[in-house]
Every structure is written in structure tokens, then in C-alpha cells.
Amino acid sequence: MKVLITGGMGVIGAEASRKFVKEGHRPVIFARHRDESLIGDIVDKVDIETGQKSRVFESKDGGFRANGSSITFSDGRKMFVGSPGTGAPEEKP
């Protein structure tokens, strides 16, 4: 399975990356800046990409019905990732 973790060098992202590595995957960590201080123990088991991410996607009527990000890697490649829904958990009455 291919796994892309945005913010993978932060506290939560590093833990998520560690979990995927333990499960036998080689995740791609995407971050704005390279800082290996929180992933030093797995840095040889992940691929690291740096670049910029922007996230402003909404419907024409202003409602949020999807979750998406446009990512630009440091070498100029671009990728859009998204999913239906806002990504927030549903509220239960």
C-alpha cells in the first residue's frame, strides 16, 4: 500500500509514520521543511518529500462538502489529494 503522510515530521505525523513502518510499509512523508529530529529512528525506512501545500476548496455556494489538498513538491511536481466529506467526524444527536 502507498501511504502519503502530510506533516509527517511533526509530533502526530511522526507517530503515524512510525505505525506504518511497523506494519511493513514505506510511507512518503511530505513536509514544508526537512527536520528529522522526531523521525530519526525511522528516517532510513521512509521517503521524504518537501514542498508547499495549500488547502482552500469549497463548493460554489460556500458549503464544505469535500476535503482536499493541492501539493507542490520541491521539484515542481503537483498532486491533488482529496476525499468526500469534510474529514471531520459526524456529530451524533
PDB file of N, CA and C in Angstrom:
ATOM      1  N   MET A   1       0.838  -1.169   0.000  1.00  0.00           N
ATOM      2  CA  MET A   1       0.000   0.000   0.000  1.00  0.00           C
ATOM      3  C   MET A   1       0.887   1.237   0.000  1.00  0.00           C
ATOM      4  N   LYS A   2       0.528   2.218  -0.821  1.00  0.00           N
ATOM      5  CA  LYS A   2       1.229   3.504  -0.841  1.00  0.00           C
ATOM      6  C   LYS A   2       0.594   4.417   0.197  1.00  0.00           C
ATOM      7  N   VAL A   3       1.419   5.071   0.996  1.00  0.00           N
ATOM      8  CA  VAL A   3       0.926   5.949   2.058  1.00  0.00           C
ATOM      9  C   VAL A   3       1.634   7.291   1.955  1.00  0.00           C
ATOM     10  N   LEU A   4       0.857   8.384   1.893  1.00  0.00           N
ATOM     11  CA  LEU A   4       1.401   9.736   1.916  1.00  0.00           C
ATOM     12  C   LEU A   4       0.963  10.378   3.220  1.00  0.00           C
ATOM     13  N   ILE A   5       1.914  10.837   4.015  1.00  0.00           N
ATOM     14  CA  ILE A   5       1.608  11.470   5.294  1.00  0.00           C
ATOM     15  C   ILE A   5       2.042  12.927   5.220  1.00  0.00           C
ATOM     16  N   THR A   6       1.059  13.836   5.195  1.00  0.00           N
ATOM     17  CA  THR A   6       1.392  15.260   5.202  1.00  0.00           C
ATOM     18  C   THR A   6       1.681  15.659   6.643  1.00  0.00           C
ATOM     19  N   GLY A   7       2.693  16.464   6.829  1.00  0.00           N
ATOM     20  CA  GLY A   7       3.083  16.854   8.188  1.00  0.00           C
ATOM     21  C   GLY A   7       3.739  15.709   8.933  1.00  0.00           C
ATOM     22  N   GLY A   8       4.353  14.800   8.212  1.00  0.00           N
ATOM     23  CA  GLY A   8       4.928  13.598   8.814  1.00  0.00           C
ATOM     24  C   GLY A   8       6.144  13.822   9.690  1.00  0.00           C
ATOM     25  N   MET A   9       6.662  15.039   9.737  1.00  0.00           N
ATOM     26  CA  MET A   9       7.793  15.319  10.617  1.00  0.00           C
ATOM     27  C   MET A   9       7.362  16.014  11.896  1.00  0.00           C
ATOM     28  N   GLY A  10       6.062  16.258  12.039  1.00  0.00           N
ATOM     29  CA  GLY A  10       5.529  16.821  13.280  1.00  0.00           C
ATOM     30  C   GLY A  10       5.268  15.708  14.288  1.00  0.00           C
ATOM     31  N   VAL A  11       4.788  16.065  15.448  1.00  0.00           N
ATOM     32  CA  VAL A  11       4.580  15.098  16.524  1.00  0.00           C
ATOM     33  C   VAL A  11       3.590  14.002  16.113  1.00  0.00           C
ATOM     34  N   ILE A  12       2.417  14.381  15.665  1.00  0.00           N
ATOM     35  CA  ILE A  12       1.404  13.392  15.306  1.00  0.00           C
ATOM     36  C   ILE A  12       1.797  12.635  14.039  1.00  0.00           C
ATOM     37  N   GLY A  13       2.296  13.369  13.041  1.00  0.00           N
ATOM     38  CA  GLY A  13       2.707  12.736  11.787  1.00  0.00           C
ATOM     39  C   GLY A  13       3.843  11.754  11.971  1.00  0.00           C
ATOM     40  N   ALA A  14       4.782  12.056  12.869  1.00  0.00           N
ATOM     41  CA  ALA A  14       5.895  11.144  13.129  1.00  0.00           C
ATOM     42  C   ALA A  14       5.384   9.843  13.741  1.00  0.00           C
ATOM     43  N   GLU A  15       4.413   9.945  14.634  1.00  0.00           N
ATOM     44  CA  GLU A  15       3.838   8.738  15.243  1.00  0.00           C
ATOM     45  C   GLU A  15       3.072   7.923  14.203  1.00  0.00           C
ATOM     46  N   ALA A  16       2.337   8.604  13.334  1.00  0.00           N
ATOM     47  CA  ALA A  16       1.629   7.899  12.263  1.00  0.00           C
ATOM     48  C   ALA A  16       2.622   7.207  11.330  1.00  0.00           C
ATOM     49  N   SER A  17       3.707   7.902  10.995  1.00  0.00           N
ATOM     50  CA  SER A  17       4.741   7.322  10.134  1.00  0.00           C
ATOM     51  C   SER A  17       5.345   6.081  10.782  1.00  0.00           C
ATOM     52  N   ARG A  18       5.637   6.172  12.060  1.00  0.00           N
ATOM     53  CA  ARG A  18       6.206   5.053  12.817  1.00  0.00           C
ATOM     54  C   ARG A  18       5.274   3.840  12.779  1.00  0.00           C
ATOM     55  N   LYS A  19       3.971   4.085  12.908  1.00  0.00           N
ATOM     56  CA  LYS A  19       2.986   2.998  12.879  1.00  0.00           C
ATOM     57  C   LYS A  19       2.998   2.288  11.528  1.00  0.00           C
ATOM     58  N   PHE A  20       3.015   3.060  10.436  1.00  0.00           N
ATOM     59  CA  PHE A  20       3.037   2.453   9.106  1.00  0.00           C
ATOM     60  C   PHE A  20       4.332   1.679   8.873  1.00  0.00           C
ATOM     61  N   VAL A  21       5.449   2.198   9.354  1.00  0.00           N
ATOM     62  CA  VAL A  21       6.726   1.488   9.219  1.00  0.00           C
ATOM     63  C   VAL A  21       6.662   0.156   9.968  1.00  0.00           C
ATOM     64  N   LYS A  22       6.103   0.161  11.178  1.00  0.00           N
ATOM     65  CA  LYS A  22       5.960  -1.078  11.960  1.00  0.00           C
ATOM     66  C   LYS A  22       5.121  -2.118  11.237  1.00  0.00           C
ATOM     67  N   GLU A  23       4.147  -1.643  10.457  1.00  0.00           N
ATOM     68  CA  GLU A  23       3.277  -2.547   9.707  1.00  0.00           C
ATOM     69  C   GLU A  23       3.912  -3.017   8.399  1.00  0.00           C
ATOM     70  N   GLY A  24       5.151  -2.579   8.131  1.00  0.00           N
ATOM     71  CA  GLY A  24       5.867  -3.045   6.953  1.00  0.00           C
ATOM     72  C   GLY A  24       5.765  -2.150   5.731  1.00  0.00           C
ATOM     73  N   HIS A  25       5.193  -0.968   5.870  1.00  0.00           N
ATOM     74  CA  HIS A  25       5.074  -0.040   4.748  1.00  0.00           C
ATOM     75  C   HIS A  25       6.270   0.923   4.719  1.00  0.00           C
ATOM     76  N   ARG A  26       6.439   1.560   3.586  1.00  0.00           N
ATOM     77  CA  ARG A  26       7.450   2.614   3.446  1.00  0.00           C
ATOM     78  C   ARG A  26       6.711   3.900   3.075  1.00  0.00           C
ATOM     79  N   PRO A  27       6.236   4.641   4.085  1.00  0.00           N
ATOM     80  CA  PRO A  27       5.436   5.837   3.785  1.00  0.00           C
ATOM     81  C   PRO A  27       6.269   6.958   3.176  1.00  0.00           C
ATOM     82  N   VAL A  28       5.577   7.806   2.429  1.00  0.00           N
ATOM     83  CA  VAL A  28       6.169   9.037   1.911  1.00  0.00           C
ATOM     84  C   VAL A  28       5.745  10.144   2.873  1.00  0.00           C
ATOM     85  N   ILE A  29       6.718  10.797   3.465  1.00  0.00           N
ATOM     86  CA  ILE A  29       6.450  11.897   4.387  1.00  0.00           C
ATOM     87  C   ILE A  29       6.581  13.201   3.612  1.00  0.00           C
ATOM     88  N   PHE A  30       5.537  14.009   3.676  1.00  0.00           N
ATOM     89  CA  PHE A  30       5.544  15.304   2.997  1.00  0.00           C
ATOM     90  C   PHE A  30       5.586  16.404   4.050  1.00  0.00           C
ATOM     91  N   ALA A  31       6.516  17.331   3.914  1.00  0.00           N
ATOM     92  CA  ALA A  31       6.641  18.434   4.871  1.00  0.00           C
ATOM     93  C   ALA A  31       7.150  19.669   4.145  1.00  0.00           C
ATOM     94  N   ARG A  32       6.866  20.829   4.726  1.00  0.00           N
ATOM     95  CA  ARG A  32       7.363  22.076   4.136  1.00  0.00           C
ATOM     96  C   ARG A  32       8.869  22.214   4.304  1.00  0.00           C
ATOM     97  N   HIS A  33       9.385  21.745   5.436  1.00  0.00           N
ATOM     98  CA  HIS A  33      10.817  21.833   5.721  1.00  0.00           C
ATOM     99  C   HIS A  33      11.298  20.485   6.224  1.00  0.00           C
ATOM    100  N   ARG A  34      12.529  20.154   5.923  1.00  0.00           N
ATOM    101  CA  ARG A  34      13.088  18.883   6.377  1.00  0.00           C
ATOM    102  C   ARG A  34      13.653  19.057   7.790  1.00  0.00           C
ATOM    103  N   ASP A  35      13.094  18.290   8.729  1.00  0.00           N
ATOM    104  CA  ASP A  35      13.545  18.290  10.119  1.00  0.00           C
ATOM    105  C   ASP A  35      13.384  16.872  10.634  1.00  0.00           C
ATOM    106  N   GLU A  36      14.473  16.152  10.738  1.00  0.00           N
ATOM    107  CA  GLU A  36      14.434  14.736  11.089  1.00  0.00           C
ATOM    108  C   GLU A  36      14.471  14.481  12.585  1.00  0.00           C
ATOM    109  N   SER A  37      14.362  15.508  13.409  1.00  0.00           N
ATOM    110  CA  SER A  37      14.528  15.327  14.855  1.00  0.00           C
ATOM    111  C   SER A  37      13.506  14.373  15.469  1.00  0.00           C
ATOM    112  N   LEU A  38      12.299  14.304  14.932  1.00  0.00           N
ATOM    113  CA  LEU A  38      11.278  13.417  15.505  1.00  0.00           C
ATOM    114  C   LEU A  38      11.160  12.083  14.771  1.00  0.00           C
ATOM    115  N   ILE A  39      11.877  11.932  13.656  1.00  0.00           N
ATOM    116  CA  ILE A  39      11.798  10.677  12.908  1.00  0.00           C
ATOM    117  C   ILE A  39      13.163  10.016  12.729  1.00  0.00           C
ATOM    118  N   GLY A  40      14.119  10.417  13.534  1.00  0.00           N
ATOM    119  CA  GLY A  40      15.481   9.893  13.402  1.00  0.00           C
ATOM    120  C   GLY A  40      15.578   8.378  13.431  1.00  0.00           C
ATOM    121  N   ASP A  41      14.704   7.741  14.202  1.00  0.00           N
ATOM    122  CA  ASP A  41      14.747   6.281  14.317  1.00  0.00           C
ATOM    123  C   ASP A  41      14.181   5.557  13.096  1.00  0.00           C
ATOM    124  N   ILE A  42      13.443   6.255  12.228  1.00  0.00           N
ATOM    125  CA  ILE A  42      12.851   5.602  11.049  1.00  0.00           C
ATOM    126  C   ILE A  42      13.237   6.282   9.745  1.00  0.00           C
ATOM    127  N   VAL A  43      14.139   7.253   9.792  1.00  0.00           N
ATOM    128  CA  VAL A  43      14.440   8.060   8.603  1.00  0.00           C
ATOM    129  C   VAL A  43      14.918   7.198   7.428  1.00  0.00           C
ATOM    130  N   ASP A  44      15.539   6.062   7.696  1.00  0.00           N
ATOM    131  CA  ASP A  44      16.003   5.184   6.621  1.00  0.00           C
ATOM    132  C   ASP A  44      14.894   4.259   6.108  1.00  0.00           C
ATOM    133  N   LYS A  45      13.707   4.333   6.704  1.00  0.00           N
ATOM    134  CA  LYS A  45      12.596   3.458   6.323  1.00  0.00           C
ATOM    135  C   LYS A  45      11.434   4.231   5.693  1.00  0.00           C
ATOM    136  N   VAL A  46      11.649   5.530   5.430  1.00  0.00           N
ATOM    137  CA  VAL A  46      10.622   6.375   4.820  1.00  0.00           C
ATOM    138  C   VAL A  46      11.219   7.145   3.653  1.00  0.00           C
ATOM    139  N   ASP A  47      10.362   7.648   2.787  1.00  0.00           N
ATOM    140  CA  ASP A  47      10.785   8.567   1.729  1.00  0.00           C
ATOM    141  C   ASP A  47      10.298   9.953   2.127  1.00  0.00           C
ATOM    142  N   ILE A  48      11.133  10.954   1.935  1.00  0.00           N
ATOM    143  CA  ILE A  48      10.802  12.315   2.361  1.00  0.00           C
ATOM    144  C   ILE A  48      10.706  13.221   1.145  1.00  0.00           C
ATOM    145  N   GLU A  49       9.609  13.959   1.069  1.00  0.00           N
ATOM    146  CA  GLU A  49       9.390  14.968   0.031  1.00  0.00           C
ATOM    147  C   GLU A  49       9.140  16.294   0.731  1.00  0.00           C
ATOM    148  N   THR A  50       9.678  17.360   0.191  1.00  0.00           N
ATOM    149  CA  THR A  50       9.399  18.689   0.740  1.00  0.00           C
ATOM    150  C   THR A  50       8.734  19.536  -0.336  1.00  0.00           C
ATOM    151  N   GLY A  51       7.956  20.502   0.082  1.00  0.00           N
ATOM    152  CA  GLY A  51       7.268  21.379  -0.853  1.00  0.00           C
ATOM    153  C   GLY A  51       6.225  22.193  -0.127  1.00  0.00           C
ATOM    154  N   GLN A  52       5.239  22.679  -0.874  1.00  0.00           N
ATOM    155  CA  GLN A  52       4.192  23.518  -0.308  1.00  0.00           C
ATOM    156  C   GLN A  52       2.841  22.856  -0.487  1.00  0.00           C
ATOM    157  N   LYS A  53       1.962  23.054   0.477  1.00  0.00           N
ATOM    158  CA  LYS A  53       0.598  22.524   0.421  1.00  0.00           C
ATOM    159  C   LYS A  53      -0.367  23.683   0.604  1.00  0.00           C
ATOM    160  N   SER A  54      -1.414  23.708  -0.188  1.00  0.00           N
ATOM    161  CA  SER A  54      -2.455  24.706   0.012  1.00  0.00           C
ATOM    162  C   SER A  54      -3.786  23.981   0.126  1.00  0.00           C
ATOM    163  N   ARG A  55      -4.662  24.498   0.949  1.00  0.00           N
ATOM    164  CA  ARG A  55      -5.946  23.831   1.163  1.00  0.00           C
ATOM    165  C   ARG A  55      -7.062  24.861   1.241  1.00  0.00           C
ATOM    166  N   VAL A  56      -7.663  25.147   0.115  1.00  0.00           N
ATOM    167  CA  VAL A  56      -8.826  26.027   0.103  1.00  0.00           C
ATOM    168  C   VAL A  56      -9.744  25.506  -0.997  1.00  0.00           C
ATOM    169  N   PHE A  57     -10.610  24.602  -0.644  1.00  0.00           N
ATOM    170  CA  PHE A  57     -11.544  24.030  -1.599  1.00  0.00           C
ATOM    171  C   PHE A  57     -12.928  24.056  -0.971  1.00  0.00           C
ATOM    172  N   GLU A  58     -13.860  24.703  -1.634  1.00  0.00           N
ATOM    173  CA  GLU A  58     -15.233  24.708  -1.156  1.00  0.00           C
ATOM    174  C   GLU A  58     -16.151  24.779  -2.364  1.00  0.00           C
ATOM    175  N   SER A  59     -17.415  24.445  -2.164  1.00  0.00           N
ATOM    176  CA  SER A  59     -18.369  24.466  -3.275  1.00  0.00           C
ATOM    177  C   SER A  59     -18.729  25.905  -3.637  1.00  0.00           C
ATOM    178  N   LYS A  60     -19.385  26.069  -4.780  1.00  0.00           N
ATOM    179  CA  LYS A  60     -19.746  27.403  -5.245  1.00  0.00           C
ATOM    180  C   LYS A  60     -20.653  28.148  -4.271  1.00  0.00           C
ATOM    181  N   ASP A  61     -21.480  27.392  -3.517  1.00  0.00           N
ATOM    182  CA  ASP A  61     -22.369  28.058  -2.565  1.00  0.00           C
ATOM    183  C   ASP A  61     -21.706  28.290  -1.207  1.00  0.00           C
ATOM    184  N   GLY A  62     -20.423  27.980  -1.096  1.00  0.00           N
ATOM    185  CA  GLY A  62     -19.686  28.231   0.148  1.00  0.00           C
ATOM    186  C   GLY A  62     -19.718  27.093   1.140  1.00  0.00           C
ATOM    187  N   GLY A  63     -20.449  26.029   0.835  1.00  0.00           N
ATOM    188  CA  GLY A  63     -20.513  24.886   1.745  1.00  0.00           C
ATOM    189  C   GLY A  63     -19.307  23.977   1.597  1.00  0.00           C
ATOM    190  N   PHE A  64     -18.914  23.353   2.669  1.00  0.00           N
ATOM    191  CA  PHE A  64     -17.786  22.419   2.635  1.00  0.00           C
ATOM    192  C   PHE A  64     -18.322  21.005   2.495  1.00  0.00           C
ATOM    193  N   ARG A  65     -18.058  20.376   1.351  1.00  0.00           N
ATOM    194  CA  ARG A  65     -18.554  19.028   1.102  1.00  0.00           C
ATOM    195  C   ARG A  65     -17.435  18.052   0.766  1.00  0.00           C
ATOM    196  N   ALA A  66     -16.221  18.498   0.810  1.00  0.00           N
ATOM    197  CA  ALA A  66     -15.094  17.636   0.474  1.00  0.00           C
ATOM    198  C   ALA A  66     -13.859  18.120   1.212  1.00  0.00           C
ATOM    199  N   ASN A  67     -12.868  17.269   1.249  1.00  0.00           N
ATOM    200  CA  ASN A  67     -11.610  17.583   1.911  1.00  0.00           C
ATOM    201  C   ASN A  67     -10.521  17.360   0.875  1.00  0.00           C
ATOM    202  N   GLY A  68      -9.735  18.382   0.583  1.00  0.00           N
ATOM    203  CA  GLY A  68      -8.719  18.214  -0.443  1.00  0.00           C
ATOM    204  C   GLY A  68      -7.524  19.108  -0.234  1.00  0.00           C
ATOM    205  N   SER A  69      -6.438  18.711  -0.842  1.00  0.00           N
ATOM    206  CA  SER A  69      -5.205  19.489  -0.765  1.00  0.00           C
ATOM    207  C   SER A  69      -4.512  19.466  -2.112  1.00  0.00           C
ATOM    208  N   SER A  70      -3.959  20.574  -2.484  1.00  0.00           N
ATOM    209  CA  SER A  70      -3.129  20.668  -3.667  1.00  0.00           C
ATOM    210  C   SER A  70      -1.694  20.755  -3.168  1.00  0.00           C
ATOM    211  N   ILE A  71      -0.869  19.822  -3.582  1.00  0.00           N
ATOM    212  CA  ILE A  71       0.504  19.738  -3.087  1.00  0.00           C
ATOM    213  C   ILE A  71       1.475  20.032  -4.222  1.00  0.00           C
ATOM    214  N   THR A  72       2.447  20.878  -3.975  1.00  0.00           N
ATOM    215  CA  THR A  72       3.516  21.138  -4.932  1.00  0.00           C
ATOM    216  C   THR A  72       4.829  20.689  -4.309  1.00  0.00           C
ATOM    217  N   PHE A  73       5.453  19.681  -4.916  1.00  0.00           N
ATOM    218  CA  PHE A  73       6.723  19.170  -4.414  1.00  0.00           C
ATOM    219  C   PHE A  73       7.855  20.134  -4.759  1.00  0.00           C
ATOM    220  N   SER A  74       8.972  19.975  -4.073  1.00  0.00           N
ATOM    221  CA  SER A  74      10.095  20.889  -4.269  1.00  0.00           C
ATOM    222  C   SER A  74      10.647  20.857  -5.690  1.00  0.00           C
ATOM    223  N   ASP A  75      10.443  19.751  -6.420  1.00  0.00           N
ATOM    224  CA  ASP A  75      10.931  19.683  -7.795  1.00  0.00           C
ATOM    225  C   ASP A  75       9.901  20.183  -8.817  1.00  0.00           C
ATOM    226  N   GLY A  76       8.769  20.748  -8.322  1.00  0.00           N
ATOM    227  CA  GLY A  76       7.764  21.327  -9.199  1.00  0.00           C
ATOM    228  C   GLY A  76       6.593  20.412  -9.533  1.00  0.00           C
ATOM    229  N   ARG A  77       6.692  19.117  -9.224  1.00  0.00           N
ATOM    230  CA  ARG A  77       5.565  18.214  -9.479  1.00  0.00           C
ATOM    231  C   ARG A  77       4.374  18.641  -8.632  1.00  0.00           C
ATOM    232  N   LYS A  78       3.175  18.436  -9.162  1.00  0.00           N
ATOM    233  CA  LYS A  78       1.967  18.790  -8.430  1.00  0.00           C
ATOM    234  C   LYS A  78       1.081  17.568  -8.286  1.00  0.00           C
ATOM    235  N   MET A  79       0.341  17.537  -7.180  1.00  0.00           N
ATOM    236  CA  MET A  79      -0.567  16.431  -6.940  1.00  0.00           C
ATOM    237  C   MET A  79      -1.758  16.951  -6.153  1.00  0.00           C
ATOM    238  N   PHE A  80      -2.939  16.470  -6.510  1.00  0.00           N
ATOM    239  CA  PHE A  80      -4.139  16.795  -5.733  1.00  0.00           C
ATOM    240  C   PHE A  80      -4.587  15.535  -5.015  1.00  0.00           C
ATOM    241  N   VAL A  81      -4.866  15.656  -3.740  1.00  0.00           N
ATOM    242  CA  VAL A  81      -5.417  14.542  -2.969  1.00  0.00           C
ATOM    243  C   VAL A  81      -6.699  15.028  -2.320  1.00  0.00           C
ATOM    244  N   GLY A  82      -7.679  14.171  -2.249  1.00  0.00           N
ATOM    245  CA  GLY A  82      -8.936  14.578  -1.656  1.00  0.00           C
ATOM    246  C   GLY A  82      -9.813  13.403  -1.305  1.00  0.00           C
ATOM    247  N   SER A  83     -10.891  13.697  -0.605  1.00  0.00           N
ATOM    248  CA  SER A  83     -11.866  12.682  -0.237  1.00  0.00           C
ATOM    249  C   SER A  83     -13.216  13.362  -0.065  1.00  0.00           C
ATOM    250  N   PRO A  84     -14.303  12.591  -0.191  1.00  0.00           N
ATOM    251  CA  PRO A  84     -15.612  13.191   0.031  1.00  0.00           C
ATOM    252  C   PRO A  84     -15.796  13.528   1.501  1.00  0.00           C
ATOM    253  N   GLY A  85     -16.587  14.511   1.787  1.00  0.00           N
ATOM    254  CA  GLY A  85     -16.817  14.902   3.171  1.00  0.00           C
ATOM    255  C   GLY A  85     -15.761  15.884   3.639  1.00  0.00           C
ATOM    256  N   THR A  86     -15.957  16.414   4.811  1.00  0.00           N
ATOM    257  CA  THR A  86     -15.048  17.426   5.331  1.00  0.00           C
ATOM    258  C   THR A  86     -13.850  16.813   6.033  1.00  0.00           C
ATOM    259  N   GLY A  87     -13.918  15.541   6.338  1.00  0.00           N
ATOM    260  CA  GLY A  87     -12.857  14.909   7.099  1.00  0.00           C
ATOM    261  C   GLY A  87     -13.111  14.953   8.592  1.00  0.00           C
ATOM    262  N   ALA A  88     -14.109  15.724   8.990  1.00  0.00           N
ATOM    263  CA  ALA A  88     -14.459  15.825  10.420  1.00  0.00           C
ATOM    264  C   ALA A  88     -15.402  14.693  10.795  1.00  0.00           C
ATOM    265  N   PRO A  89     -15.338  14.213  12.028  1.00  0.00           N
ATOM    266  CA  PRO A  89     -16.272  13.164  12.441  1.00  0.00           C
ATOM    267  C   PRO A  89     -17.703  13.673  12.437  1.00  0.00           C
ATOM    268  N   GLU A  90     -18.624  12.774  12.153  1.00  0.00           N
ATOM    269  CA  GLU A  90     -20.025  13.159  12.146  1.00  0.00           C
ATOM    270  C   GLU A  90     -20.509  13.411  13.564  1.00  0.00           C
ATOM    271  N   GLU A  91     -21.356  14.422  13.696  1.00  0.00           N
ATOM    272  CA  GLU A  91     -21.934  14.707  15.001  1.00  0.00           C
ATOM    273  C   GLU A  91     -23.120  13.793  15.219  1.00  0.00           C
ATOM    274  N   LYS A  92     -23.233  13.274  16.425  1.00  0.00           N
ATOM    275  CA  LYS A  92     -24.356  12.410  16.767  1.00  0.00           C
ATOM    276  C   LYS A  92     -25.330  13.185  17.633  1.00  0.00           C
ATOM    277  N   PRO A  93     -26.630  13.047  17.355  1.00  0.00           N
ATOM    278  CA  PRO A  93     -27.617  13.815  18.138  1.00  0.00           C
ATOM    279  C   PRO A  93     -27.668  13.377  19.595  1.00  0.00           C
TER     280      PRO A  93
END
